[in-house]
Amino acid sequence: MITFEVKGRKVSQKQFFKSIEKNVHDAVKEHLVKEVSKVRDPETGEKPSVKVSGNSLDNLCVKVSGSESLIKQVKDKLSD
């Protein structure tokens, strides 16, 4: 018999896989914010404002605000 545990607690198979998806989702959001926050406008030193929303990997939305040149740099960084 196969049993599933999350943080030492027995869960159903569905809950187990939902937990994995949530952990991946949270890691992706954290990584996006971290990487975008590294970008700086070379002329002004401005850094972007970043907000990642969405409750699953299928519907993540990244909103970045800043100057046009900063937004372009962020787009370039995310396309790498």
PDB file of N, CA and C in Angstrom:
ATOM      1  N   MET A   1       0.844  -1.187   0.000  1.00  0.00           N
ATOM      2  CA  MET A   1       0.000   0.000   0.000  1.00  0.00           C
ATOM      3  C   MET A   1       0.886   1.246   0.000  1.00  0.00           C
ATOM      4  N   ILE A   2       0.524   2.193  -0.811  1.00  0.00           N
ATOM      5  CA  ILE A   2       1.270   3.452  -0.900  1.00  0.00           C
ATOM      6  C   ILE A   2       0.576   4.484  -0.020  1.00  0.00           C
ATOM      7  N   THR A   3       1.368   5.163   0.796  1.00  0.00           N
ATOM      8  CA  THR A   3       0.825   6.259   1.590  1.00  0.00           C
ATOM      9  C   THR A   3       1.579   7.534   1.224  1.00  0.00           C
ATOM     10  N   PHE A   4       0.919   8.655   1.358  1.00  0.00           N
ATOM     11  CA  PHE A   4       1.496   9.951   1.027  1.00  0.00           C
ATOM     12  C   PHE A   4       1.558  10.796   2.285  1.00  0.00           C
ATOM     13  N   GLU A   5       2.677  11.492   2.454  1.00  0.00           N
ATOM     14  CA  GLU A   5       2.847  12.370   3.609  1.00  0.00           C
ATOM     15  C   GLU A   5       3.361  13.722   3.155  1.00  0.00           C
ATOM     16  N   VAL A   6       2.879  14.726   3.826  1.00  0.00           N
ATOM     17  CA  VAL A   6       3.365  16.091   3.626  1.00  0.00           C
ATOM     18  C   VAL A   6       3.686  16.645   5.004  1.00  0.00           C
ATOM     19  N   LYS A   7       4.951  16.967   5.216  1.00  0.00           N
ATOM     20  CA  LYS A   7       5.410  17.477   6.511  1.00  0.00           C
ATOM     21  C   LYS A   7       5.019  16.550   7.656  1.00  0.00           C
ATOM     22  N   GLY A   8       5.180  15.237   7.415  1.00  0.00           N
ATOM     23  CA  GLY A   8       4.909  14.247   8.449  1.00  0.00           C
ATOM     24  C   GLY A   8       3.450  13.900   8.649  1.00  0.00           C
ATOM     25  N   ARG A   9       2.583  14.487   7.860  1.00  0.00           N
ATOM     26  CA  ARG A   9       1.145  14.244   7.999  1.00  0.00           C
ATOM     27  C   ARG A   9       0.648  13.408   6.824  1.00  0.00           C
ATOM     28  N   LYS A  10      -0.101  12.351   7.082  1.00  0.00           N
ATOM     29  CA  LYS A  10      -0.655  11.541   6.007  1.00  0.00           C
ATOM     30  C   LYS A  10      -1.732  12.331   5.266  1.00  0.00           C
ATOM     31  N   VAL A  11      -1.647  12.277   3.936  1.00  0.00           N
ATOM     32  CA  VAL A  11      -2.607  13.001   3.099  1.00  0.00           C
ATOM     33  C   VAL A  11      -3.035  12.091   1.953  1.00  0.00           C
ATOM     34  N   SER A  12      -4.083  12.508   1.272  1.00  0.00           N
ATOM     35  CA  SER A  12      -4.541  11.758   0.102  1.00  0.00           C
ATOM     36  C   SER A  12      -3.575  12.018  -1.061  1.00  0.00           C
ATOM     37  N   GLN A  13      -3.695  11.185  -2.075  1.00  0.00           N
ATOM     38  CA  GLN A  13      -2.858  11.359  -3.262  1.00  0.00           C
ATOM     39  C   GLN A  13      -3.101  12.738  -3.882  1.00  0.00           C
ATOM     40  N   LYS A  14      -4.339  13.152  -3.950  1.00  0.00           N
ATOM     41  CA  LYS A  14      -4.696  14.455  -4.519  1.00  0.00           C
ATOM     42  C   LYS A  14      -4.040  15.589  -3.720  1.00  0.00           C
ATOM     43  N   GLN A  15      -4.132  15.510  -2.394  1.00  0.00           N
ATOM     44  CA  GLN A  15      -3.524  16.537  -1.544  1.00  0.00           C
ATOM     45  C   GLN A  15      -2.008  16.551  -1.703  1.00  0.00           C
ATOM     46  N   PHE A  16      -1.417  15.377  -1.850  1.00  0.00           N
ATOM     47  CA  PHE A  16       0.027  15.266  -2.023  1.00  0.00           C
ATOM     48  C   PHE A  16       0.486  16.002  -3.275  1.00  0.00           C
ATOM     49  N   PHE A  17      -0.185  15.732  -4.386  1.00  0.00           N
ATOM     50  CA  PHE A  17       0.223  16.369  -5.640  1.00  0.00           C
ATOM     51  C   PHE A  17      -0.120  17.860  -5.667  1.00  0.00           C
ATOM     52  N   LYS A  18      -1.196  18.248  -4.994  1.00  0.00           N
ATOM     53  CA  LYS A  18      -1.507  19.678  -4.875  1.00  0.00           C
ATOM     54  C   LYS A  18      -0.417  20.395  -4.084  1.00  0.00           C
ATOM     55  N   SER A  19       0.097  19.726  -3.056  1.00  0.00           N
ATOM     56  CA  SER A  19       1.163  20.291  -2.240  1.00  0.00           C
ATOM     57  C   SER A  19       2.432  20.487  -3.077  1.00  0.00           C
ATOM     58  N   ILE A  20       2.755  19.503  -3.898  1.00  0.00           N
ATOM     59  CA  ILE A  20       3.927  19.631  -4.774  1.00  0.00           C
ATOM     60  C   ILE A  20       3.743  20.797  -5.728  1.00  0.00           C
ATOM     61  N   GLU A  21       2.570  20.895  -6.347  1.00  0.00           N
ATOM     62  CA  GLU A  21       2.310  21.993  -7.283  1.00  0.00           C
ATOM     63  C   GLU A  21       2.409  23.347  -6.584  1.00  0.00           C
ATOM     64  N   LYS A  22       1.894  23.442  -5.376  1.00  0.00           N
ATOM     65  CA  LYS A  22       1.963  24.710  -4.630  1.00  0.00           C
ATOM     66  C   LYS A  22       3.414  25.075  -4.323  1.00  0.00           C
ATOM     67  N   ASN A  23       4.211  24.084  -3.927  1.00  0.00           N
ATOM     68  CA  ASN A  23       5.621  24.359  -3.633  1.00  0.00           C
ATOM     69  C   ASN A  23       6.374  24.823  -4.875  1.00  0.00           C
ATOM     70  N   VAL A  24       6.098  24.208  -6.019  1.00  0.00           N
ATOM     71  CA  VAL A  24       6.733  24.635  -7.270  1.00  0.00           C
ATOM     72  C   VAL A  24       6.258  26.035  -7.633  1.00  0.00           C
ATOM     73  N   HIS A  25       4.971  26.272  -7.521  1.00  0.00           N
ATOM     74  CA  HIS A  25       4.390  27.593  -7.806  1.00  0.00           C
ATOM     75  C   HIS A  25       5.055  28.674  -6.956  1.00  0.00           C
ATOM     76  N   ASP A  26       5.174  28.425  -5.672  1.00  0.00           N
ATOM     77  CA  ASP A  26       5.784  29.401  -4.764  1.00  0.00           C
ATOM     78  C   ASP A  26       7.260  29.635  -5.113  1.00  0.00           C
ATOM     79  N   ALA A  27       7.965  28.566  -5.482  1.00  0.00           N
ATOM     80  CA  ALA A  27       9.382  28.689  -5.843  1.00  0.00           C
ATOM     81  C   ALA A  27       9.550  29.496  -7.127  1.00  0.00           C
ATOM     82  N   VAL A  28       8.667  29.289  -8.096  1.00  0.00           N
ATOM     83  CA  VAL A  28       8.726  30.038  -9.357  1.00  0.00           C
ATOM     84  C   VAL A  28       8.462  31.518  -9.099  1.00  0.00           C
ATOM     85  N   LYS A  29       7.441  31.811  -8.299  1.00  0.00           N
ATOM     86  CA  LYS A  29       7.143  33.205  -7.972  1.00  0.00           C
ATOM     87  C   LYS A  29       8.337  33.870  -7.287  1.00  0.00           C
ATOM     88  N   GLU A  30       8.910  33.186  -6.320  1.00  0.00           N
ATOM     89  CA  GLU A  30      10.053  33.723  -5.584  1.00  0.00           C
ATOM     90  C   GLU A  30      11.240  33.966  -6.521  1.00  0.00           C
ATOM     91  N   HIS A  31      11.480  33.027  -7.416  1.00  0.00           N
ATOM     92  CA  HIS A  31      12.592  33.149  -8.360  1.00  0.00           C
ATOM     93  C   HIS A  31      12.371  34.340  -9.304  1.00  0.00           C
ATOM     94  N   LEU A  32      11.161  34.506  -9.801  1.00  0.00           N
ATOM     95  CA  LEU A  32      10.869  35.629 -10.701  1.00  0.00           C
ATOM     96  C   LEU A  32      11.113  36.972 -10.012  1.00  0.00           C
ATOM     97  N   VAL A  33      10.613  37.102  -8.805  1.00  0.00           N
ATOM     98  CA  VAL A  33      10.808  38.353  -8.060  1.00  0.00           C
ATOM     99  C   VAL A  33      12.295  38.600  -7.823  1.00  0.00           C
ATOM    100  N   LYS A  34      13.016  37.576  -7.434  1.00  0.00           N
ATOM    101  CA  LYS A  34      14.450  37.707  -7.150  1.00  0.00           C
ATOM    102  C   LYS A  34      15.217  38.135  -8.401  1.00  0.00           C
ATOM    103  N   GLU A  35      14.951  37.478  -9.522  1.00  0.00           N
ATOM    104  CA  GLU A  35      15.684  37.784 -10.754  1.00  0.00           C
ATOM    105  C   GLU A  35      15.340  39.164 -11.290  1.00  0.00           C
ATOM    106  N   VAL A  36      14.065  39.521 -11.296  1.00  0.00           N
ATOM    107  CA  VAL A  36      13.654  40.832 -11.809  1.00  0.00           C
ATOM    108  C   VAL A  36      14.175  41.945 -10.899  1.00  0.00           C
ATOM    109  N   SER A  37      14.222  41.702  -9.609  1.00  0.00           N
ATOM    110  CA  SER A  37      14.697  42.714  -8.662  1.00  0.00           C
ATOM    111  C   SER A  37      16.182  43.011  -8.817  1.00  0.00           C
ATOM    112  N   LYS A  38      16.924  42.116  -9.470  1.00  0.00           N
ATOM    113  CA  LYS A  38      18.352  42.346  -9.704  1.00  0.00           C
ATOM    114  C   LYS A  38      18.611  43.389 -10.790  1.00  0.00           C
ATOM    115  N   VAL A  39      17.636  43.631 -11.638  1.00  0.00           N
ATOM    116  CA  VAL A  39      17.804  44.545 -12.766  1.00  0.00           C
ATOM    117  C   VAL A  39      17.845  45.987 -12.262  1.00  0.00           C
ATOM    118  N   ARG A  40      18.767  46.766 -12.806  1.00  0.00           N
ATOM    119  CA  ARG A  40      18.877  48.189 -12.469  1.00  0.00           C
ATOM    120  C   ARG A  40      19.032  48.991 -13.755  1.00  0.00           C
ATOM    121  N   ASP A  41      18.455  50.166 -13.774  1.00  0.00           N
ATOM    122  CA  ASP A  41      18.664  51.084 -14.893  1.00  0.00           C
ATOM    123  C   ASP A  41      20.087  51.616 -14.759  1.00  0.00           C
ATOM    124  N   PRO A  42      20.939  51.410 -15.781  1.00  0.00           N
ATOM    125  CA  PRO A  42      22.336  51.808 -15.666  1.00  0.00           C
ATOM    126  C   PRO A  42      22.533  53.329 -15.527  1.00  0.00           C
ATOM    127  N   GLU A  43      21.581  54.104 -16.027  1.00  0.00           N
ATOM    128  CA  GLU A  43      21.712  55.567 -15.961  1.00  0.00           C
ATOM    129  C   GLU A  43      21.248  56.139 -14.630  1.00  0.00           C
ATOM    130  N   THR A  44      20.165  55.587 -14.090  1.00  0.00           N
ATOM    131  CA  THR A  44      19.572  56.177 -12.886  1.00  0.00           C
ATOM    132  C   THR A  44      19.718  55.312 -11.638  1.00  0.00           C
ATOM    133  N   GLY A  45      20.007  54.034 -11.834  1.00  0.00           N
ATOM    134  CA  GLY A  45      20.075  53.110 -10.694  1.00  0.00           C
ATOM    135  C   GLY A  45      18.708  52.644 -10.232  1.00  0.00           C
ATOM    136  N   GLU A  46      17.666  53.074 -10.953  1.00  0.00           N
ATOM    137  CA  GLU A  46      16.296  52.692 -10.598  1.00  0.00           C
ATOM    138  C   GLU A  46      16.145  51.174 -10.641  1.00  0.00           C
ATOM    139  N   LYS A  47      15.375  50.650  -9.690  1.00  0.00           N
ATOM    140  CA  LYS A  47      15.058  49.230  -9.717  1.00  0.00           C
ATOM    141  C   LYS A  47      13.560  49.068  -9.957  1.00  0.00           C
ATOM    142  N   PRO A  48      13.168  47.953 -10.554  1.00  0.00           N
ATOM    143  CA  PRO A  48      11.755  47.765 -10.876  1.00  0.00           C
ATOM    144  C   PRO A  48      10.919  47.393  -9.664  1.00  0.00           C
ATOM    145  N   SER A  49       9.651  47.697  -9.773  1.00  0.00           N
ATOM    146  CA  SER A  49       8.674  47.227  -8.804  1.00  0.00           C
ATOM    147  C   SER A  49       8.054  45.971  -9.417  1.00  0.00           C
ATOM    148  N   VAL A  50       8.032  44.883  -8.669  1.00  0.00           N
ATOM    149  CA  VAL A  50       7.597  43.589  -9.211  1.00  0.00           C
ATOM    150  C   VAL A  50       6.465  43.013  -8.377  1.00  0.00           C
ATOM    151  N   LYS A  51       5.431  42.536  -9.063  1.00  0.00           N
ATOM    152  CA  LYS A  51       4.353  41.828  -8.379  1.00  0.00           C
ATOM    153  C   LYS A  51       3.997  40.606  -9.217  1.00  0.00           C
ATOM    154  N   VAL A  52       4.038  39.446  -8.586  1.00  0.00           N
ATOM    155  CA  VAL A  52       3.672  38.203  -9.257  1.00  0.00           C
ATOM    156  C   VAL A  52       2.384  37.715  -8.628  1.00  0.00           C
ATOM    157  N   SER A  53       1.374  37.480  -9.456  1.00  0.00           N
ATOM    158  CA  SER A  53       0.097  36.996  -8.942  1.00  0.00           C
ATOM    159  C   SER A  53      -0.338  35.765  -9.726  1.00  0.00           C
ATOM    160  N   GLY A  54      -1.384  35.148  -9.257  1.00  0.00           N
ATOM    161  CA  GLY A  54      -1.901  33.930  -9.868  1.00  0.00           C
ATOM    162  C   GLY A  54      -1.816  32.804  -8.871  1.00  0.00           C
ATOM    163  N   ASN A  55      -2.793  31.923  -8.924  1.00  0.00           N
ATOM    164  CA  ASN A  55      -2.833  30.863  -7.920  1.00  0.00           C
ATOM    165  C   ASN A  55      -2.413  29.499  -8.452  1.00  0.00           C
ATOM    166  N   SER A  56      -1.912  29.461  -9.683  1.00  0.00           N
ATOM    167  CA  SER A  56      -1.392  28.201 -10.210  1.00  0.00           C
ATOM    168  C   SER A  56      -0.323  28.502 -11.252  1.00  0.00           C
ATOM    169  N   LEU A  57       0.407  27.489 -11.648  1.00  0.00           N
ATOM    170  CA  LEU A  57       1.448  27.675 -12.650  1.00  0.00           C
ATOM    171  C   LEU A  57       0.861  28.050 -14.004  1.00  0.00           C
ATOM    172  N   ASP A  58      -0.389  27.698 -14.233  1.00  0.00           N
ATOM    173  CA  ASP A  58      -1.036  27.986 -15.517  1.00  0.00           C
ATOM    174  C   ASP A  58      -1.470  29.434 -15.673  1.00  0.00           C
ATOM    175  N   ASN A  59      -1.540  30.179 -14.584  1.00  0.00           N
ATOM    176  CA  ASN A  59      -2.035  31.550 -14.706  1.00  0.00           C
ATOM    177  C   ASN A  59      -1.188  32.566 -13.940  1.00  0.00           C
ATOM    178  N   LEU A  60       0.124  32.403 -13.973  1.00  0.00           N
ATOM    179  CA  LEU A  60       0.995  33.386 -13.334  1.00  0.00           C
ATOM    180  C   LEU A  60       0.979  34.682 -14.134  1.00  0.00           C
ATOM    181  N   CYS A  61       0.955  35.779 -13.435  1.00  0.00           N
ATOM    182  CA  CYS A  61       0.987  37.095 -14.062  1.00  0.00           C
ATOM    183  C   CYS A  61       2.078  37.905 -13.371  1.00  0.00           C
ATOM    184  N   VAL A  62       3.016  38.426 -14.168  1.00  0.00           N
ATOM    185  CA  VAL A  62       4.102  39.234 -13.622  1.00  0.00           C
ATOM    186  C   VAL A  62       3.854  40.674 -14.034  1.00  0.00           C
ATOM    187  N   LYS A  63       3.717  41.557 -13.047  1.00  0.00           N
ATOM    188  CA  LYS A  63       3.541  42.986 -13.316  1.00  0.00           C
ATOM    189  C   LYS A  63       4.792  43.711 -12.849  1.00  0.00           C
ATOM    190  N   VAL A  64       5.388  44.423 -13.778  1.00  0.00           N
ATOM    191  CA  VAL A  64       6.617  45.154 -13.490  1.00  0.00           C
ATOM    192  C   VAL A  64       6.373  46.610 -13.817  1.00  0.00           C
ATOM    193  N   SER A  65       6.774  47.498 -12.910  1.00  0.00           N
ATOM    194  CA  SER A  65       6.647  48.924 -13.206  1.00  0.00           C
ATOM    195  C   SER A  65       7.999  49.599 -13.036  1.00  0.00           C
ATOM    196  N   GLY A  66       8.185  50.631 -13.839  1.00  0.00           N
ATOM    197  CA  GLY A  66       9.428  51.386 -13.854  1.00  0.00           C
ATOM    198  C   GLY A  66       9.514  52.151 -15.159  1.00  0.00           C
ATOM    199  N   SER A  67      10.650  52.743 -15.411  1.00  0.00           N
ATOM    200  CA  SER A  67      10.833  53.507 -16.645  1.00  0.00           C
ATOM    201  C   SER A  67      10.802  52.568 -17.853  1.00  0.00           C
ATOM    202  N   GLU A  68      10.624  53.148 -19.042  1.00  0.00           N
ATOM    203  CA  GLU A  68      10.573  52.338 -20.260  1.00  0.00           C
ATOM    204  C   GLU A  68      11.853  51.547 -20.465  1.00  0.00           C
ATOM    205  N   SER A  69      12.993  52.182 -20.213  1.00  0.00           N
ATOM    206  CA  SER A  69      14.263  51.474 -20.413  1.00  0.00           C
ATOM    207  C   SER A  69      14.413  50.334 -19.397  1.00  0.00           C
ATOM    208  N   LEU A  70      13.922  50.549 -18.204  1.00  0.00           N
ATOM    209  CA  LEU A  70      13.985  49.507 -17.180  1.00  0.00           C
ATOM    210  C   LEU A  70      13.083  48.331 -17.548  1.00  0.00           C
ATOM    211  N   ILE A  71      11.897  48.616 -18.032  1.00  0.00           N
ATOM    212  CA  ILE A  71      10.974  47.569 -18.455  1.00  0.00           C
ATOM    213  C   ILE A  71      11.595  46.756 -19.592  1.00  0.00           C
ATOM    214  N   LYS A  72      12.253  47.436 -20.529  1.00  0.00           N
ATOM    215  CA  LYS A  72      12.906  46.738 -21.631  1.00  0.00           C
ATOM    216  C   LYS A  72      13.987  45.795 -21.102  1.00  0.00           C
ATOM    217  N   GLN A  73      14.767  46.261 -20.137  1.00  0.00           N
ATOM    218  CA  GLN A  73      15.814  45.413 -19.546  1.00  0.00           C
ATOM    219  C   GLN A  73      15.213  44.189 -18.865  1.00  0.00           C
ATOM    220  N   VAL A  74      14.101  44.385 -18.180  1.00  0.00           N
ATOM    221  CA  VAL A  74      13.434  43.265 -17.501  1.00  0.00           C
ATOM    222  C   VAL A  74      12.956  42.251 -18.533  1.00  0.00           C
ATOM    223  N   LYS A  75      12.348  42.737 -19.613  1.00  0.00           N
ATOM    224  CA  LYS A  75      11.880  41.835 -20.666  1.00  0.00           C
ATOM    225  C   LYS A  75      13.033  41.048 -21.255  1.00  0.00           C
ATOM    226  N   ASP A  76      14.161  41.733 -21.484  1.00  0.00           N
ATOM    227  CA  ASP A  76      15.339  41.055 -22.013  1.00  0.00           C
ATOM    228  C   ASP A  76      15.836  39.988 -21.041  1.00  0.00           C
ATOM    229  N   LYS A  77      15.828  40.325 -19.760  1.00  0.00           N
ATOM    230  CA  LYS A  77      16.304  39.388 -18.726  1.00  0.00           C
ATOM    231  C   LYS A  77      15.403  38.146 -18.682  1.00  0.00           C
ATOM    232  N   LEU A  78      14.090  38.357 -18.765  1.00  0.00           N
ATOM    233  CA  LEU A  78      13.153  37.232 -18.689  1.00  0.00           C
ATOM    234  C   LEU A  78      13.156  36.380 -19.946  1.00  0.00           C
ATOM    235  N   SER A  79      13.600  36.945 -21.055  1.00  0.00           N
ATOM    236  CA  SER A  79      13.616  36.165 -22.292  1.00  0.00           C
ATOM    237  C   SER A  79      14.865  35.308 -22.436  1.00  0.00           C
ATOM    238  N   ASP A  80      15.856  35.524 -21.554  1.00  0.00           N
ATOM    239  CA  ASP A  80      17.094  34.728 -21.616  1.00  0.00           C
ATOM    240  C   ASP A  80      16.853  33.281 -21.304  1.00  0.00           C
TER     241      ASP A  80
END
